[in-house]
Amino acid sequence: MPKQGKHINILGINNLGKTTQVNRLKSLIESQGKTCKILKYPAYDLEPTGPRITLATKKGNPEGLTSEDLQVLNSQNKHDFEPILIGHLQSYDFVIAEMYKGTSVAFGMGEGLSQDFLESMETDLYTEDVSILLDGERFMEAKEEGHRFEEDGEKMDRIRQIHLLLAQERNWSVVNANQPEEKVTEDIWAIISAS
């Protein structure tokens, strides 16, 4: 079946207001009489990978998963979710995915894994129409206690720089996340509208 909706990928490090912006975009799209579905990766409720990712990133990693194990799980989670994604694209005018392709590459590289290895796990994933990187200083009031990545500021800075390098390699648009919320939304919508 042909794709109906436009697939938007919003990415960046943690605590940049991505979820706020995705929700603002949904409201904006719906105010124009269009339909919009929001997705957030990983799909934590998708069995069997989602709950294992939750344990590894938010619950102290009781399985002792390595960084490589976690990225393999993330890849499987996205692949398992893909039929649902395609169904949404056939049903909605816009599907806005938070942290889709490129995310695992940036976070995995930040933990020392090979870019080639990480990219090999996402090459056959459904390709988004537009990728937009939110970049800026983190909003620390949104930090989640006990989160594997959010607790390590140095690692998060490293992952931020990797995101910027990937943005150059993959021609992602970059939006300054530290502007007023309304301006961030305006900048993102201008990119989507021009695509």
Protein backbone atom coordinates (compact mmCIF):
# COMPACT_ATOMS: atom_id res chain seq x y z
CA MET A 1 0.00 0.00 0.00
CA PRO A 2 1.32 3.50 -0.78
CA LYS A 3 2.44 5.73 2.03
CA GLN A 4 0.02 8.50 2.91
CA GLY A 5 1.65 10.43 5.73
CA LYS A 6 4.81 12.43 6.01
CA HIS A 7 7.28 10.78 8.38
CA ILE A 8 9.15 13.28 10.59
CA ASN A 9 12.09 12.28 12.83
CA ILE A 10 12.88 14.60 15.77
CA LEU A 11 16.10 13.71 17.55
CA GLY A 12 18.78 15.00 19.90
CA ILE A 13 20.23 14.32 23.32
CA ASN A 14 18.05 13.95 26.40
CA ASN A 15 16.45 16.92 28.16
CA LEU A 16 16.15 19.29 25.19
CA GLY A 17 12.37 19.58 25.11
CA LYS A 18 11.83 17.16 22.22
CA THR A 19 8.59 15.79 23.67
CA THR A 20 7.29 19.32 24.27
CA GLN A 21 8.03 20.23 20.66
CA VAL A 22 6.47 17.05 19.28
CA ASN A 23 3.27 17.78 21.22
CA ARG A 24 3.28 21.40 20.01
CA LEU A 25 3.70 20.23 16.42
CA LYS A 26 0.81 17.80 16.79
CA SER A 27 -1.44 20.61 18.03
CA LEU A 28 -0.30 22.87 15.18
CA ILE A 29 -0.94 20.19 12.54
CA GLU A 30 -4.36 19.34 13.95
CA SER A 31 -5.30 23.03 14.06
CA GLN A 32 -4.86 22.97 10.27
CA GLY A 33 -7.34 20.12 9.90
CA LYS A 34 -4.70 17.42 9.37
CA THR A 35 -4.22 14.19 11.31
CA CYS A 36 -1.06 13.46 13.27
CA LYS A 37 0.31 10.48 15.18
CA ILE A 38 3.13 10.78 17.70
CA LEU A 39 5.63 7.96 18.25
CA LYS A 40 8.49 7.76 20.71
CA TYR A 41 11.36 5.30 20.45
CA PRO A 42 12.15 2.93 21.89
CA ALA A 43 8.66 1.47 22.13
CA TYR A 44 8.98 0.57 25.82
CA ASP A 45 5.69 -1.36 25.92
CA LEU A 46 6.51 -3.54 22.88
CA GLU A 47 7.29 -7.09 23.98
CA PRO A 48 9.83 -8.56 24.35
CA THR A 49 12.40 -5.83 23.73
CA GLY A 50 10.73 -2.77 25.24
CA PRO A 51 10.60 -3.92 28.87
CA ARG A 52 14.21 -5.13 28.64
CA ILE A 53 15.32 -1.72 27.37
CA THR A 54 13.47 -0.09 30.27
CA LEU A 55 15.30 -2.32 32.74
CA ALA A 56 18.66 -1.60 31.11
CA THR A 57 18.28 2.19 30.91
CA LYS A 58 16.04 3.13 33.84
CA LYS A 59 16.06 0.30 36.37
CA GLY A 60 19.73 -0.33 37.09
CA ASN A 61 20.40 -2.81 34.26
CA PRO A 62 19.72 -6.03 36.27
CA GLU A 63 20.52 -8.21 33.22
CA GLY A 64 23.97 -6.64 32.97
CA LEU A 65 23.50 -5.76 29.30
CA THR A 66 26.53 -4.32 27.55
CA SER A 67 26.31 -1.21 25.39
CA GLU A 68 26.35 -3.47 22.33
CA ASP A 69 23.54 -5.62 23.77
CA LEU A 70 21.45 -2.49 24.36
CA GLN A 71 21.90 -1.21 20.82
CA VAL A 72 21.00 -4.61 19.36
CA LEU A 73 17.84 -4.54 21.50
CA ASN A 74 17.03 -1.01 20.33
CA SER A 75 17.42 -2.08 16.72
CA GLN A 76 15.19 -5.11 17.20
CA ASN A 77 12.61 -2.91 18.93
CA LYS A 78 12.46 -0.57 15.91
CA HIS A 79 12.27 -3.46 13.46
CA ASP A 80 9.50 -5.15 15.45
CA PHE A 81 7.57 -1.88 15.56
CA GLU A 82 7.93 -1.18 11.83
CA PRO A 83 4.62 -2.79 10.72
CA ILE A 84 2.82 -0.54 13.21
CA LEU A 85 4.74 2.50 11.90
CA ILE A 86 3.77 1.69 8.31
CA GLY A 87 0.14 1.28 9.38
CA HIS A 88 0.23 4.75 10.96
CA LEU A 89 1.77 6.24 7.80
CA GLN A 90 -1.13 4.82 5.81
CA SER A 91 -3.67 6.32 8.24
CA TYR A 92 -2.33 9.75 9.24
CA ASP A 93 -1.23 12.86 7.36
CA PHE A 94 1.82 13.19 9.60
CA VAL A 95 3.69 10.74 11.81
CA ILE A 96 6.15 12.46 14.13
CA ALA A 97 8.68 10.07 15.63
CA GLU A 98 10.86 11.11 18.53
CA MET A 99 14.30 9.46 18.47
CA TYR A 100 13.97 7.26 15.37
CA LYS A 101 16.87 6.59 12.96
CA GLY A 102 20.24 7.97 13.96
CA THR A 103 19.58 7.92 17.67
CA SER A 104 21.10 4.51 18.35
CA VAL A 105 24.09 5.41 16.19
CA ALA A 106 24.81 8.57 18.20
CA PHE A 107 24.26 6.99 21.62
CA GLY A 108 26.16 3.81 20.71
CA MET A 109 29.12 5.80 19.38
CA GLY A 110 29.03 7.79 22.60
CA GLU A 111 29.63 4.53 24.42
CA GLY A 112 32.52 3.58 22.15
CA LEU A 113 30.81 1.32 19.62
CA SER A 114 31.69 1.31 15.93
CA GLN A 115 29.71 3.61 13.67
CA ASP A 116 29.70 0.97 10.92
CA PHE A 117 28.29 -1.65 13.29
CA LEU A 118 25.59 0.71 14.53
CA GLU A 119 24.61 1.92 11.07
CA SER A 120 24.38 -1.66 9.79
CA MET A 121 21.47 -2.25 12.18
CA GLU A 122 19.34 0.59 10.80
CA THR A 123 20.02 0.55 7.06
CA ASP A 124 16.89 -1.47 6.30
CA LEU A 125 14.58 0.51 8.59
CA TYR A 126 11.86 2.58 6.94
CA THR A 127 13.34 5.89 5.79
CA GLU A 128 11.89 9.08 7.23
CA ASP A 129 11.02 12.06 5.05
CA VAL A 130 12.62 14.69 7.28
CA SER A 131 15.06 14.50 10.20
CA ILE A 132 15.42 17.47 12.52
CA LEU A 133 18.06 17.62 15.23
CA LEU A 134 17.32 19.73 18.29
CA ASP A 135 20.61 20.99 19.67
CA GLY A 136 21.51 23.05 22.70
CA GLU A 137 22.19 23.04 26.41
CA ARG A 138 20.12 20.52 28.36
CA PHE A 139 17.19 21.59 30.54
CA MET A 140 18.42 19.92 33.71
CA GLU A 141 15.11 20.30 35.56
CA ALA A 142 13.80 17.58 33.22
CA LYS A 143 16.56 15.09 34.10
CA GLU A 144 15.30 11.64 35.09
CA GLU A 145 16.92 10.20 38.21
CA GLY A 146 18.63 6.87 37.62
CA HIS A 147 18.55 7.09 33.82
CA ARG A 148 21.60 5.38 32.30
CA PHE A 149 22.42 8.33 30.03
CA GLU A 150 20.97 11.36 31.77
CA GLU A 151 23.14 10.97 34.87
CA ASP A 152 26.44 11.27 32.95
CA GLY A 153 26.85 14.86 31.78
CA GLU A 154 30.23 14.25 30.16
CA LYS A 155 28.86 11.36 28.12
CA MET A 156 25.83 13.43 27.14
CA ASP A 157 28.13 16.21 25.89
CA ARG A 158 30.04 13.67 23.82
CA ILE A 159 26.79 12.30 22.36
CA ARG A 160 25.69 15.85 21.55
CA GLN A 161 28.82 16.38 19.45
CA ILE A 162 28.27 13.04 17.70
CA HIS A 163 24.71 14.09 16.84
CA LEU A 164 26.10 17.26 15.23
CA LEU A 165 28.61 15.26 13.18
CA LEU A 166 25.85 12.89 12.05
CA ALA A 167 23.70 15.88 11.14
CA GLN A 168 26.43 16.99 8.72
CA GLU A 169 26.88 13.49 7.30
CA ARG A 170 23.15 12.83 6.88
CA ASN A 171 21.96 16.34 5.99
CA TRP A 172 19.70 16.68 9.02
CA SER A 173 18.32 20.12 9.70
CA VAL A 174 19.47 21.55 13.05
CA VAL A 175 17.28 23.74 15.27
CA ASN A 176 18.45 25.63 18.36
CA ALA A 177 16.51 24.10 21.26
CA ASN A 178 17.40 26.94 23.65
CA GLN A 179 15.13 29.50 22.01
CA PRO A 180 11.63 30.26 23.32
CA GLU A 181 9.33 27.26 22.78
CA GLU A 182 7.25 29.12 20.21
CA LYS A 183 10.34 29.97 18.12
CA VAL A 184 11.60 26.38 18.23
CA THR A 185 8.21 25.17 16.98
CA GLU A 186 8.20 27.83 14.27
CA ASP A 187 11.67 26.79 13.07
CA ILE A 188 10.77 23.10 13.02
CA TRP A 189 7.51 23.73 11.17
CA ALA A 190 9.30 25.85 8.55
CA ILE A 191 11.61 22.90 7.83
CA ILE A 192 8.72 20.43 7.63
CA SER A 193 6.68 22.74 5.41
CA ALA A 194 9.58 23.19 3.00
CA SER A 195 10.21 19.44 2.65
